[in-house]
Amino acid sequence: MKPVVWKFHIPLYAGPYQLSVPSECKVLSLQVQQELLALWCLVDEASPDEDRRVCVVHTGQAVPLGSCPKHLGTVQVTDGYVVHVFGEASF
């Protein structure tokens, strides 16, 4: 099967979140879209879904590297407000 680009929304608020994504999932980009974080991934639609943890961290906050060791992206939202998104190593 050919890879397809999918989009997943993540809240801007700090915290851990669970995303249900295909097991074959590669992060392409992280941006803000309509006041939400949007994570675009290249996926294999035929692969089974699995839950993966992402952690939204604001500048100055501790990064939970134990549960979210991989940096997925950093975005500037408004007026210099910056958020950083980390995910499981499997991203």
PDB file of N, CA and C in Angstrom:
ATOM      1  N   MET A   1       0.834  -1.191   0.000  1.00  0.00           N
ATOM      2  CA  MET A   1       0.000   0.000   0.000  1.00  0.00           C
ATOM      3  C   MET A   1       0.875   1.249   0.000  1.00  0.00           C
ATOM      4  N   LYS A   2       0.388   2.280  -0.656  1.00  0.00           N
ATOM      5  CA  LYS A   2       1.114   3.543  -0.703  1.00  0.00           C
ATOM      6  C   LYS A   2       0.940   4.304   0.603  1.00  0.00           C
ATOM      7  N   PRO A   3       1.995   5.019   1.041  1.00  0.00           N
ATOM      8  CA  PRO A   3       1.871   5.843   2.245  1.00  0.00           C
ATOM      9  C   PRO A   3       0.910   7.008   2.017  1.00  0.00           C
ATOM     10  N   VAL A   4       0.271   7.432   3.092  1.00  0.00           N
ATOM     11  CA  VAL A   4      -0.700   8.521   3.061  1.00  0.00           C
ATOM     12  C   VAL A   4      -0.352   9.508   4.176  1.00  0.00           C
ATOM     13  N   VAL A   5      -0.581  10.799   3.944  1.00  0.00           N
ATOM     14  CA  VAL A   5      -0.364  11.808   4.983  1.00  0.00           C
ATOM     15  C   VAL A   5      -1.654  11.985   5.775  1.00  0.00           C
ATOM     16  N   TRP A   6      -1.546  11.824   7.082  1.00  0.00           N
ATOM     17  CA  TRP A   6      -2.672  12.056   7.995  1.00  0.00           C
ATOM     18  C   TRP A   6      -2.308  13.180   8.950  1.00  0.00           C
ATOM     19  N   LYS A   7      -3.346  13.826   9.495  1.00  0.00           N
ATOM     20  CA  LYS A   7      -3.163  14.904  10.467  1.00  0.00           C
ATOM     21  C   LYS A   7      -3.800  14.480  11.791  1.00  0.00           C
ATOM     22  N   PHE A   8      -3.097  14.785  12.885  1.00  0.00           N
ATOM     23  CA  PHE A   8      -3.587  14.514  14.236  1.00  0.00           C
ATOM     24  C   PHE A   8      -3.546  15.813  15.021  1.00  0.00           C
ATOM     25  N   HIS A   9      -4.636  16.135  15.728  1.00  0.00           N
ATOM     26  CA  HIS A   9      -4.678  17.352  16.545  1.00  0.00           C
ATOM     27  C   HIS A   9      -4.270  17.045  17.981  1.00  0.00           C
ATOM     28  N   ILE A  10      -3.550  17.990  18.566  1.00  0.00           N
ATOM     29  CA  ILE A  10      -3.091  17.901  19.952  1.00  0.00           C
ATOM     30  C   ILE A  10      -3.444  19.226  20.621  1.00  0.00           C
ATOM     31  N   PRO A  11      -3.991  19.212  21.839  1.00  0.00           N
ATOM     32  CA  PRO A  11      -4.261  20.475  22.525  1.00  0.00           C
ATOM     33  C   PRO A  11      -2.976  21.268  22.786  1.00  0.00           C
ATOM     34  N   LEU A  12      -3.104  22.588  22.867  1.00  0.00           N
ATOM     35  CA  LEU A  12      -1.956  23.447  23.160  1.00  0.00           C
ATOM     36  C   LEU A  12      -1.565  23.419  24.633  1.00  0.00           C
ATOM     37  N   TYR A  13      -2.440  22.939  25.471  1.00  0.00           N
ATOM     38  CA  TYR A  13      -2.197  22.941  26.917  1.00  0.00           C
ATOM     39  C   TYR A  13      -1.121  21.929  27.282  1.00  0.00           C
ATOM     40  N   ALA A  14      -0.303  22.270  28.268  1.00  0.00           N
ATOM     41  CA  ALA A  14       0.744  21.371  28.724  1.00  0.00           C
ATOM     42  C   ALA A  14       0.134  20.086  29.267  1.00  0.00           C
ATOM     43  N   GLY A  15       0.800  18.982  28.998  1.00  0.00           N
ATOM     44  CA  GLY A  15       0.355  17.716  29.557  1.00  0.00           C
ATOM     45  C   GLY A  15       0.622  16.551  28.637  1.00  0.00           C
ATOM     46  N   PRO A  16       0.441  15.361  29.179  1.00  0.00           N
ATOM     47  CA  PRO A  16       0.559  14.165  28.343  1.00  0.00           C
ATOM     48  C   PRO A  16      -0.775  13.874  27.659  1.00  0.00           C
ATOM     49  N   TYR A  17      -0.699  13.360  26.455  1.00  0.00           N
ATOM     50  CA  TYR A  17      -1.889  12.992  25.689  1.00  0.00           C
ATOM     51  C   TYR A  17      -1.633  11.666  24.983  1.00  0.00           C
ATOM     52  N   GLN A  18      -2.694  10.931  24.701  1.00  0.00           N
ATOM     53  CA  GLN A  18      -2.609   9.686  23.951  1.00  0.00           C
ATOM     54  C   GLN A  18      -3.158   9.926  22.549  1.00  0.00           C
ATOM     55  N   LEU A  19      -2.431   9.495  21.543  1.00  0.00           N
ATOM     56  CA  LEU A  19      -2.906   9.549  20.165  1.00  0.00           C
ATOM     57  C   LEU A  19      -3.036   8.132  19.645  1.00  0.00           C
ATOM     58  N   SER A  20      -4.126   7.846  18.974  1.00  0.00           N
ATOM     59  CA  SER A  20      -4.291   6.567  18.300  1.00  0.00           C
ATOM     60  C   SER A  20      -3.817   6.753  16.862  1.00  0.00           C
ATOM     61  N   VAL A  21      -2.704   6.101  16.526  1.00  0.00           N
ATOM     62  CA  VAL A  21      -2.091   6.257  15.209  1.00  0.00           C
ATOM     63  C   VAL A  21      -1.765   4.883  14.631  1.00  0.00           C
ATOM     64  N   PRO A  22      -1.676   4.782  13.308  1.00  0.00           N
ATOM     65  CA  PRO A  22      -1.218   3.520  12.728  1.00  0.00           C
ATOM     66  C   PRO A  22       0.199   3.193  13.209  1.00  0.00           C
ATOM     67  N   SER A  23       0.498   1.927  13.363  1.00  0.00           N
ATOM     68  CA  SER A  23       1.816   1.532  13.876  1.00  0.00           C
ATOM     69  C   SER A  23       2.954   1.979  12.949  1.00  0.00           C
ATOM     70  N   GLU A  24       2.677   2.060  11.664  1.00  0.00           N
ATOM     71  CA  GLU A  24       3.651   2.608  10.715  1.00  0.00           C
ATOM     72  C   GLU A  24       3.359   4.092  10.552  1.00  0.00           C
ATOM     73  N   CYS A  25       4.069   4.924  11.317  1.00  0.00           N
ATOM     74  CA  CYS A  25       3.764   6.352  11.390  1.00  0.00           C
ATOM     75  C   CYS A  25       5.063   7.136  11.536  1.00  0.00           C
ATOM     76  N   LYS A  26       5.326   8.044  10.590  1.00  0.00           N
ATOM     77  CA  LYS A  26       6.528   8.872  10.633  1.00  0.00           C
ATOM     78  C   LYS A  26       6.117  10.340  10.660  1.00  0.00           C
ATOM     79  N   VAL A  27       6.604  11.075  11.649  1.00  0.00           N
ATOM     80  CA  VAL A  27       6.274  12.496  11.787  1.00  0.00           C
ATOM     81  C   VAL A  27       6.902  13.294  10.649  1.00  0.00           C
ATOM     82  N   LEU A  28       6.082  14.140  10.020  1.00  0.00           N
ATOM     83  CA  LEU A  28       6.554  15.024   8.948  1.00  0.00           C
ATOM     84  C   LEU A  28       6.684  16.462   9.415  1.00  0.00           C
ATOM     85  N   SER A  29       5.675  16.946  10.162  1.00  0.00           N
ATOM     86  CA  SER A  29       5.657  18.355  10.540  1.00  0.00           C
ATOM     87  C   SER A  29       4.742  18.571  11.737  1.00  0.00           C
ATOM     88  N   LEU A  30       5.065  19.603  12.513  1.00  0.00           N
ATOM     89  CA  LEU A  30       4.239  20.036  13.633  1.00  0.00           C
ATOM     90  C   LEU A  30       4.040  21.531  13.485  1.00  0.00           C
ATOM     91  N   GLN A  31       2.762  21.976  13.435  1.00  0.00           N
ATOM     92  CA  GLN A  31       2.440  23.386  13.284  1.00  0.00           C
ATOM     93  C   GLN A  31       1.166  23.700  14.057  1.00  0.00           C
ATOM     94  N   VAL A  32       0.846  24.980  14.152  1.00  0.00           N
ATOM     95  CA  VAL A  32      -0.425  25.399  14.749  1.00  0.00           C
ATOM     96  C   VAL A  32      -1.437  25.593  13.632  1.00  0.00           C
ATOM     97  N   GLN A  33      -2.631  25.033  13.822  1.00  0.00           N
ATOM     98  CA  GLN A  33      -3.714  25.192  12.859  1.00  0.00           C
ATOM     99  C   GLN A  33      -5.006  25.362  13.642  1.00  0.00           C
ATOM    100  N   GLN A  34      -5.674  26.481  13.451  1.00  0.00           N
ATOM    101  CA  GLN A  34      -6.955  26.766  14.103  1.00  0.00           C
ATOM    102  C   GLN A  34      -6.877  26.576  15.619  1.00  0.00           C
ATOM    103  N   GLU A  35      -5.848  27.177  16.230  1.00  0.00           N
ATOM    104  CA  GLU A  35      -5.652  27.178  17.679  1.00  0.00           C
ATOM    105  C   GLU A  35      -5.434  25.796  18.276  1.00  0.00           C
ATOM    106  N   LEU A  36      -4.999  24.850  17.470  1.00  0.00           N
ATOM    107  CA  LEU A  36      -4.608  23.523  17.940  1.00  0.00           C
ATOM    108  C   LEU A  36      -3.257  23.187  17.342  1.00  0.00           C
ATOM    109  N   LEU A  37      -2.532  22.324  18.016  1.00  0.00           N
ATOM    110  CA  LEU A  37      -1.324  21.789  17.406  1.00  0.00           C
ATOM    111  C   LEU A  37      -1.739  20.738  16.393  1.00  0.00           C
ATOM    112  N   ALA A  38      -1.149  20.775  15.228  1.00  0.00           N
ATOM    113  CA  ALA A  38      -1.436  19.785  14.194  1.00  0.00           C
ATOM    114  C   ALA A  38      -0.145  19.029  13.892  1.00  0.00           C
ATOM    115  N   LEU A  39      -0.222  17.707  13.985  1.00  0.00           N
ATOM    116  CA  LEU A  39       0.909  16.837  13.727  1.00  0.00           C
ATOM    117  C   LEU A  39       0.616  16.063  12.443  1.00  0.00           C
ATOM    118  N   TRP A  40       1.404  16.326  11.395  1.00  0.00           N
ATOM    119  CA  TRP A  40       1.214  15.610  10.132  1.00  0.00           C
ATOM    120  C   TRP A  40       2.186  14.443  10.104  1.00  0.00           C
ATOM    121  N   CYS A  41       1.661  13.277   9.739  1.00  0.00           N
ATOM    122  CA  CYS A  41       2.470  12.057   9.719  1.00  0.00           C
ATOM    123  C   CYS A  41       2.248  11.297   8.422  1.00  0.00           C
ATOM    124  N   LEU A  42       3.286  10.611   8.002  1.00  0.00           N
ATOM    125  CA  LEU A  42       3.210   9.700   6.867  1.00  0.00           C
ATOM    126  C   LEU A  42       2.878   8.329   7.453  1.00  0.00           C
ATOM    127  N   VAL A  43       1.728   7.773   7.057  1.00  0.00           N
ATOM    128  CA  VAL A  43       1.264   6.525   7.671  1.00  0.00           C
ATOM    129  C   VAL A  43       0.975   5.467   6.612  1.00  0.00           C
ATOM    130  N   ASP A  44       0.976   4.236   7.066  1.00  0.00           N
ATOM    131  CA  ASP A  44       0.500   3.112   6.269  1.00  0.00           C
ATOM    132  C   ASP A  44      -0.880   2.778   6.816  1.00  0.00           C
ATOM    133  N   GLU A  45      -1.926   3.109   6.051  1.00  0.00           N
ATOM    134  CA  GLU A  45      -3.304   2.915   6.519  1.00  0.00           C
ATOM    135  C   GLU A  45      -3.612   1.458   6.849  1.00  0.00           C
ATOM    136  N   ALA A  46      -2.881   0.529   6.269  1.00  0.00           N
ATOM    137  CA  ALA A  46      -3.146  -0.888   6.492  1.00  0.00           C
ATOM    138  C   ALA A  46      -2.557  -1.387   7.811  1.00  0.00           C
ATOM    139  N   SER A  47      -1.653  -0.626   8.409  1.00  0.00           N
ATOM    140  CA  SER A  47      -1.050  -1.074   9.669  1.00  0.00           C
ATOM    141  C   SER A  47      -2.037  -0.866  10.820  1.00  0.00           C
ATOM    142  N   PRO A  48      -1.970  -1.713  11.839  1.00  0.00           N
ATOM    143  CA  PRO A  48      -2.924  -1.612  12.957  1.00  0.00           C
ATOM    144  C   PRO A  48      -2.684  -0.345  13.780  1.00  0.00           C
ATOM    145  N   ASP A  49      -3.763   0.185  14.339  1.00  0.00           N
ATOM    146  CA  ASP A  49      -3.649   1.363  15.202  1.00  0.00           C
ATOM    147  C   ASP A  49      -3.041   0.979  16.547  1.00  0.00           C
ATOM    148  N   GLU A  50      -2.336   1.944  17.125  1.00  0.00           N
ATOM    149  CA  GLU A  50      -1.800   1.778  18.471  1.00  0.00           C
ATOM    150  C   GLU A  50      -1.806   3.135  19.156  1.00  0.00           C
ATOM    151  N   ASP A  51      -1.871   3.118  20.472  1.00  0.00           N
ATOM    152  CA  ASP A  51      -1.839   4.353  21.243  1.00  0.00           C
ATOM    153  C   ASP A  51      -0.393   4.757  21.484  1.00  0.00           C
ATOM    154  N   ARG A  52      -0.112   6.021  21.229  1.00  0.00           N
ATOM    155  CA  ARG A  52       1.219   6.566  21.507  1.00  0.00           C
ATOM    156  C   ARG A  52       1.081   7.837  22.316  1.00  0.00           C
ATOM    157  N   ARG A  53       1.981   8.009  23.246  1.00  0.00           N
ATOM    158  CA  ARG A  53       1.957   9.166  24.142  1.00  0.00           C
ATOM    159  C   ARG A  53       2.729  10.326  23.525  1.00  0.00           C
ATOM    160  N   VAL A  54       2.149  11.507  23.630  1.00  0.00           N
ATOM    161  CA  VAL A  54       2.849  12.751  23.313  1.00  0.00           C
ATOM    162  C   VAL A  54       2.747  13.659  24.531  1.00  0.00           C
ATOM    163  N   CYS A  55       3.759  14.472  24.741  1.00  0.00           N
ATOM    164  CA  CYS A  55       3.784  15.396  25.870  1.00  0.00           C
ATOM    165  C   CYS A  55       4.008  16.809  25.351  1.00  0.00           C
ATOM    166  N   VAL A  56       3.110  17.701  25.706  1.00  0.00           N
ATOM    167  CA  VAL A  56       3.235  19.116  25.353  1.00  0.00           C
ATOM    168  C   VAL A  56       3.885  19.817  26.541  1.00  0.00           C
ATOM    169  N   VAL A  57       4.972  20.518  26.267  1.00  0.00           N
ATOM    170  CA  VAL A  57       5.736  21.183  27.314  1.00  0.00           C
ATOM    171  C   VAL A  57       5.898  22.643  26.933  1.00  0.00           C
ATOM    172  N   HIS A  58       5.659  23.525  27.890  1.00  0.00           N
ATOM    173  CA  HIS A  58       5.886  24.946  27.650  1.00  0.00           C
ATOM    174  C   HIS A  58       7.322  25.283  28.020  1.00  0.00           C
ATOM    175  N   THR A  59       7.867  26.314  27.411  1.00  0.00           N
ATOM    176  CA  THR A  59       9.235  26.737  27.721  1.00  0.00           C
ATOM    177  C   THR A  59       9.363  26.984  29.221  1.00  0.00           C
ATOM    178  N   GLY A  60      10.416  26.417  29.806  1.00  0.00           N
ATOM    179  CA  GLY A  60      10.651  26.574  31.240  1.00  0.00           C
ATOM    180  C   GLY A  60      10.130  25.412  32.065  1.00  0.00           C
ATOM    181  N   GLN A  61       9.332  24.525  31.481  1.00  0.00           N
ATOM    182  CA  GLN A  61       8.809  23.360  32.195  1.00  0.00           C
ATOM    183  C   GLN A  61       9.761  22.175  32.037  1.00  0.00           C
ATOM    184  N   ALA A  62       9.688  21.264  32.995  1.00  0.00           N
ATOM    185  CA  ALA A  62      10.482  20.040  32.923  1.00  0.00           C
ATOM    186  C   ALA A  62       9.976  19.150  31.787  1.00  0.00           C
ATOM    187  N   VAL A  63      10.895  18.497  31.116  1.00  0.00           N
ATOM    188  CA  VAL A  63      10.561  17.598  30.013  1.00  0.00           C
ATOM    189  C   VAL A  63      10.530  16.165  30.553  1.00  0.00           C
ATOM    190  N   PRO A  64       9.405  15.456  30.375  1.00  0.00           N
ATOM    191  CA  PRO A  64       9.302  14.075  30.872  1.00  0.00           C
ATOM    192  C   PRO A  64       9.985  13.083  29.927  1.00  0.00           C
ATOM    193  N   LEU A  65      11.313  13.099  29.908  1.00  0.00           N
ATOM    194  CA  LEU A  65      12.062  12.279  28.956  1.00  0.00           C
ATOM    195  C   LEU A  65      11.866  10.781  29.180  1.00  0.00           C
ATOM    196  N   GLY A  66      11.442  10.382  30.367  1.00  0.00           N
ATOM    197  CA  GLY A  66      11.194   8.963  30.617  1.00  0.00           C
ATOM    198  C   GLY A  66      10.060   8.415  29.774  1.00  0.00           C
ATOM    199  N   SER A  67       8.980   9.191  29.637  1.00  0.00           N
ATOM    200  CA  SER A  67       7.816   8.720  28.875  1.00  0.00           C
ATOM    201  C   SER A  67       7.741   9.314  27.474  1.00  0.00           C
ATOM    202  N   CYS A  68       8.415  10.435  27.253  1.00  0.00           N
ATOM    203  CA  CYS A  68       8.385  11.105  25.941  1.00  0.00           C
ATOM    204  C   CYS A  68       9.799  11.559  25.568  1.00  0.00           C
ATOM    205  N   PRO A  69      10.673  10.634  25.167  1.00  0.00           N
ATOM    206  CA  PRO A  69      12.075  10.989  24.945  1.00  0.00           C
ATOM    207  C   PRO A  69      12.395  11.631  23.593  1.00  0.00           C
ATOM    208  N   LYS A  70      11.474  11.565  22.630  1.00  0.00           N
ATOM    209  CA  LYS A  70      11.787  12.036  21.281  1.00  0.00           C
ATOM    210  C   LYS A  70      11.147  13.396  21.005  1.00  0.00           C
ATOM    211  N   HIS A  71      11.966  14.376  20.610  1.00  0.00           N
ATOM    212  CA  HIS A  71      11.451  15.706  20.272  1.00  0.00           C
ATOM    213  C   HIS A  71      10.765  15.635  18.913  1.00  0.00           C
ATOM    214  N   LEU A  72       9.488  16.021  18.860  1.00  0.00           N
ATOM    215  CA  LEU A  72       8.715  15.983  17.612  1.00  0.00           C
ATOM    216  C   LEU A  72       8.647  17.341  16.940  1.00  0.00           C
ATOM    217  N   GLY A  73       8.797  18.400  17.728  1.00  0.00           N
ATOM    218  CA  GLY A  73       8.764  19.726  17.135  1.00  0.00           C
ATOM    219  C   GLY A  73       8.541  20.821  18.159  1.00  0.00           C
ATOM    220  N   THR A  74       8.858  22.039  17.759  1.00  0.00           N
ATOM    221  CA  THR A  74       8.656  23.239  18.566  1.00  0.00           C
ATOM    222  C   THR A  74       7.943  24.250  17.686  1.00  0.00           C
ATOM    223  N   VAL A  75       6.920  24.893  18.236  1.00  0.00           N
ATOM    224  CA  VAL A  75       6.184  25.894  17.467  1.00  0.00           C
ATOM    225  C   VAL A  75       5.981  27.154  18.299  1.00  0.00           C
ATOM    226  N   GLN A  76       6.013  28.292  17.601  1.00  0.00           N
ATOM    227  CA  GLN A  76       5.693  29.565  18.222  1.00  0.00           C
ATOM    228  C   GLN A  76       4.232  29.836  17.923  1.00  0.00           C
ATOM    229  N   VAL A  77       3.448  30.029  18.985  1.00  0.00           N
ATOM    230  CA  VAL A  77       2.011  30.171  18.824  1.00  0.00           C
ATOM    231  C   VAL A  77       1.649  31.630  18.571  1.00  0.00           C
ATOM    232  N   THR A  78       1.712  32.472  19.563  1.00  0.00           N
ATOM    233  CA  THR A  78       1.424  33.898  19.409  1.00  0.00           C
ATOM    234  C   THR A  78       2.253  34.684  20.411  1.00  0.00           C
ATOM    235  N   ASP A  79       2.580  35.903  20.057  1.00  0.00           N
ATOM    236  CA  ASP A  79       3.285  36.812  20.967  1.00  0.00           C
ATOM    237  C   ASP A  79       4.486  36.163  21.641  1.00  0.00           C
ATOM    238  N   GLY A  80       5.211  35.327  20.932  1.00  0.00           N
ATOM    239  CA  GLY A  80       6.394  34.700  21.490  1.00  0.00           C
ATOM    240  C   GLY A  80       6.125  33.478  22.346  1.00  0.00           C
ATOM    241  N   TYR A  81       4.860  33.080  22.466  1.00  0.00           N
ATOM    242  CA  TYR A  81       4.485  31.896  23.245  1.00  0.00           C
ATOM    243  C   TYR A  81       4.925  30.656  22.476  1.00  0.00           C
ATOM    244  N   VAL A  82       5.746  29.817  23.108  1.00  0.00           N
ATOM    245  CA  VAL A  82       6.341  28.670  22.431  1.00  0.00           C
ATOM    246  C   VAL A  82       5.977  27.381  23.166  1.00  0.00           C
ATOM    247  N   VAL A  83       5.616  26.352  22.399  1.00  0.00           N
ATOM    248  CA  VAL A  83       5.369  25.024  22.975  1.00  0.00           C
ATOM    249  C   VAL A  83       6.273  24.013  22.270  1.00  0.00           C
ATOM    250  N   HIS A  84       6.625  22.995  23.027  1.00  0.00           N
ATOM    251  CA  HIS A  84       7.501  21.938  22.542  1.00  0.00           C
ATOM    252  C   HIS A  84       6.745  20.610  22.699  1.00  0.00           C
ATOM    253  N   VAL A  85       6.829  19.769  21.698  1.00  0.00           N
ATOM    254  CA  VAL A  85       6.113  18.488  21.737  1.00  0.00           C
ATOM    255  C   VAL A  85       7.131  17.349  21.666  1.00  0.00           C
ATOM    256  N   PHE A  86       7.014  16.451  22.621  1.00  0.00           N
ATOM    257  CA  PHE A  86       7.852  15.263  22.682  1.00  0.00           C
ATOM    258  C   PHE A  86       6.953  14.046  22.570  1.00  0.00           C
ATOM    259  N   GLY A  87       7.494  12.936  22.123  1.00  0.00           N
ATOM    260  CA  GLY A  87       6.695  11.726  21.961  1.00  0.00           C
ATOM    261  C   GLY A  87       7.481  10.491  22.349  1.00  0.00           C
ATOM    262  N   GLU A  88       6.786   9.374  22.322  1.00  0.00           N
ATOM    263  CA  GLU A  88       7.424   8.089  22.578  1.00  0.00           C
ATOM    264  C   GLU A  88       8.528   7.855  21.558  1.00  0.00           C
ATOM    265  N   ALA A  89       9.473   7.015  21.913  1.00  0.00           N
ATOM    266  CA  ALA A  89      10.589   6.715  21.022  1.00  0.00           C
ATOM    267  C   ALA A  89      10.109   6.104  19.705  1.00  0.00           C
ATOM    268  N   SER A  90       8.933   5.462  19.706  1.00  0.00           N
ATOM    269  CA  SER A  90       8.431   4.804  18.500  1.00  0.00           C
ATOM    270  C   SER A  90       7.939   5.781  17.430  1.00  0.00           C
ATOM    271  N   PHE A  91       7.857   7.068  17.741  1.00  0.00           N
ATOM    272  CA  PHE A  91       7.468   8.056  16.719  1.00  0.00           C
ATOM    273  C   PHE A  91       8.595   8.189  15.771  1.00  0.00           C
TER     274      PHE A  91
END
